[in-house]
Amino acid sequence: MNPTALDQAAYELLEAKRREDEARNARLAAEERVIQILGTNGSEGTKRENTNWYKVSTVTSLTRTLHPEWRELLDDDDLDAETFSRVIKTEPKLSIGELKKVATENPTAYAVLARAIISKPAKIAVKVELQTKKEAA
């Protein structure tokens, strides 16, 4: 059985992904080697060193997210509303699943909501999996 044009394109995609994974793994290993040699400046900060050819730095930081029960802070008398609003930002977030439900259940409400929504095509996803001999038959 000869491969089709789609078979060839799928093969090329899988090979490109394999090479990409290899390159990413090599980069991560090189980064780890630099960290081992240069070290870091604690849990947050930048450590720099100039060599004969390079300016090398490691940057450490902490990822900070809100605890799921952050709203309980609003009841704490030691935290005023102004300080709370300076530190904790709340932003509207679109629920796509609920939006789709409203589109079918309540088209009038959907039409109103749609005025505040910007829609644009996302990148097309491509998935390729190698078939087993049983599946191919």
Protein backbone atom coordinates (compact mmCIF):
# COMPACT_ATOMS: atom_id res chain seq x y z
CA MET A 1 0.00 0.00 0.00
CA ASN A 2 1.48 3.34 -1.04
CA PRO A 3 1.27 6.34 1.30
CA THR A 4 -1.13 9.08 0.29
CA ALA A 5 -0.27 12.78 0.32
CA LEU A 6 -2.06 13.00 3.69
CA ASP A 7 -0.02 10.05 5.03
CA GLN A 8 3.17 11.88 4.02
CA ALA A 9 2.03 15.17 5.56
CA ALA A 10 1.02 13.41 8.79
CA TYR A 11 4.39 11.64 8.94
CA GLU A 12 6.22 14.94 8.40
CA LEU A 13 4.17 16.54 11.19
CA LEU A 14 4.97 13.75 13.64
CA GLU A 15 8.67 13.92 12.75
CA ALA A 16 8.71 17.70 13.18
CA LYS A 17 7.08 17.32 16.61
CA ARG A 18 9.65 14.67 17.56
CA ARG A 19 12.52 16.98 16.55
CA GLU A 20 10.85 19.85 18.40
CA ASP A 21 10.63 17.71 21.56
CA GLU A 22 14.29 16.77 21.22
CA ALA A 23 15.28 20.41 20.79
CA ARG A 24 13.16 21.47 23.79
CA ASN A 25 14.68 18.73 25.95
CA ALA A 26 18.19 19.78 24.89
CA ARG A 27 17.40 23.42 25.73
CA LEU A 28 16.01 22.47 29.15
CA ALA A 29 19.11 20.40 29.89
CA ALA A 30 21.37 23.30 28.86
CA GLU A 31 19.38 25.69 31.05
CA GLU A 32 19.75 23.31 34.00
CA ARG A 33 23.52 23.16 33.44
CA VAL A 34 23.73 26.98 33.49
CA ILE A 35 21.70 27.03 36.72
CA GLN A 36 24.01 24.43 38.28
CA ILE A 37 27.09 26.47 37.38
CA LEU A 38 25.85 30.02 38.03
CA GLY A 39 23.35 29.36 40.78
CA THR A 40 20.48 31.65 41.70
CA ASN A 41 19.86 34.68 43.86
CA GLY A 42 17.42 33.06 46.27
CA SER A 43 13.70 32.59 45.75
CA GLU A 44 13.32 35.90 43.92
CA GLY A 45 15.88 37.93 42.08
CA THR A 46 18.45 37.89 39.32
CA LYS A 47 21.99 36.58 39.45
CA ARG A 48 24.31 37.76 36.67
CA GLU A 49 27.80 36.94 35.54
CA ASN A 50 29.77 38.14 32.54
CA THR A 51 32.14 35.71 30.89
CA ASN A 52 34.63 36.40 28.12
CA TRP A 53 31.83 35.91 25.58
CA TYR A 54 28.44 36.03 27.31
CA LYS A 55 26.28 37.89 29.78
CA VAL A 56 24.54 35.10 31.68
CA SER A 57 21.77 35.50 34.21
CA THR A 58 19.34 33.35 36.13
CA VAL A 59 16.05 34.87 37.19
CA THR A 60 14.05 33.33 40.01
CA SER A 61 10.54 34.31 40.97
CA LEU A 62 7.52 33.09 42.85
CA THR A 63 4.22 32.37 41.16
CA ARG A 64 1.43 33.84 43.21
CA THR A 65 -2.23 32.97 42.75
CA LEU A 66 -5.32 33.55 44.84
CA HIS A 67 -6.58 30.85 47.15
CA PRO A 68 -10.03 29.63 46.04
CA GLU A 69 -11.57 31.08 49.22
CA TRP A 70 -10.09 34.57 48.77
CA ARG A 71 -13.50 36.23 49.17
CA GLU A 72 -13.41 35.42 52.89
CA LEU A 73 -10.84 38.23 53.22
CA LEU A 74 -13.64 40.72 52.62
CA ASP A 75 -15.01 39.85 56.08
CA ASP A 76 -11.70 40.54 57.85
CA ASP A 77 -11.83 43.81 59.83
CA ASP A 78 -8.04 44.23 59.53
CA LEU A 79 -8.26 44.66 55.76
CA ASP A 80 -9.91 47.78 54.41
CA ALA A 81 -11.66 47.80 51.04
CA GLU A 82 -9.17 50.25 49.49
CA THR A 83 -6.16 48.04 50.29
CA PHE A 84 -8.06 44.97 49.13
CA SER A 85 -8.91 46.56 45.78
CA ARG A 86 -5.30 47.74 45.29
CA VAL A 87 -3.95 44.19 45.65
CA ILE A 88 -6.70 41.89 44.44
CA LYS A 89 -8.04 42.59 40.97
CA THR A 90 -11.19 40.94 39.80
CA GLU A 91 -11.92 40.88 36.12
CA PRO A 92 -14.92 39.57 34.21
CA LYS A 93 -14.31 36.19 32.62
CA LEU A 94 -16.35 34.69 29.81
CA SER A 95 -17.84 31.23 30.36
CA ILE A 96 -17.95 29.74 26.88
CA GLY A 97 -20.04 26.75 27.96
CA GLU A 98 -22.69 28.97 29.54
CA LEU A 99 -22.59 31.33 26.56
CA LYS A 100 -23.35 28.43 24.21
CA LYS A 101 -26.24 27.33 26.43
CA VAL A 102 -27.71 30.84 26.45
CA ALA A 103 -27.38 30.98 22.64
CA THR A 104 -29.76 28.04 22.32
CA GLU A 105 -31.96 28.59 25.40
CA ASN A 106 -32.42 32.36 25.21
CA PRO A 107 -31.46 33.87 21.83
CA THR A 108 -32.65 37.33 22.88
CA ALA A 109 -30.31 37.43 25.88
CA TYR A 110 -27.56 35.99 23.70
CA ALA A 111 -27.99 38.83 21.20
CA VAL A 112 -27.45 41.34 24.02
CA LEU A 113 -24.40 39.48 25.37
CA ALA A 114 -22.92 39.11 21.89
CA ARG A 115 -22.51 42.89 21.63
CA ALA A 116 -19.77 42.67 24.29
CA ILE A 117 -17.97 39.63 22.83
CA ILE A 118 -15.19 39.71 20.25
CA SER A 119 -14.98 36.48 18.29
CA LYS A 120 -12.13 35.54 15.98
CA PRO A 121 -10.95 32.24 14.53
CA ALA A 122 -8.48 30.34 16.69
CA LYS A 123 -5.52 28.38 15.32
CA ILE A 124 -6.71 25.16 13.70
CA ALA A 125 -5.68 22.16 15.76
CA VAL A 126 -4.20 19.15 13.98
CA LYS A 127 -3.97 15.76 15.66
CA VAL A 128 -2.08 12.84 14.18
CA GLU A 129 -1.81 9.39 15.75
CA LEU A 130 -0.08 6.38 14.29
CA GLN A 131 -2.58 3.56 13.74
CA THR A 132 -1.91 0.06 14.94
CA LYS A 133 -2.01 -2.66 12.31
CA LYS A 134 -5.43 -3.77 13.60
CA GLU A 135 -6.90 -0.28 13.18
CA ALA A 136 -5.45 0.15 9.70
CA ALA A 137 -7.02 -3.05 8.41
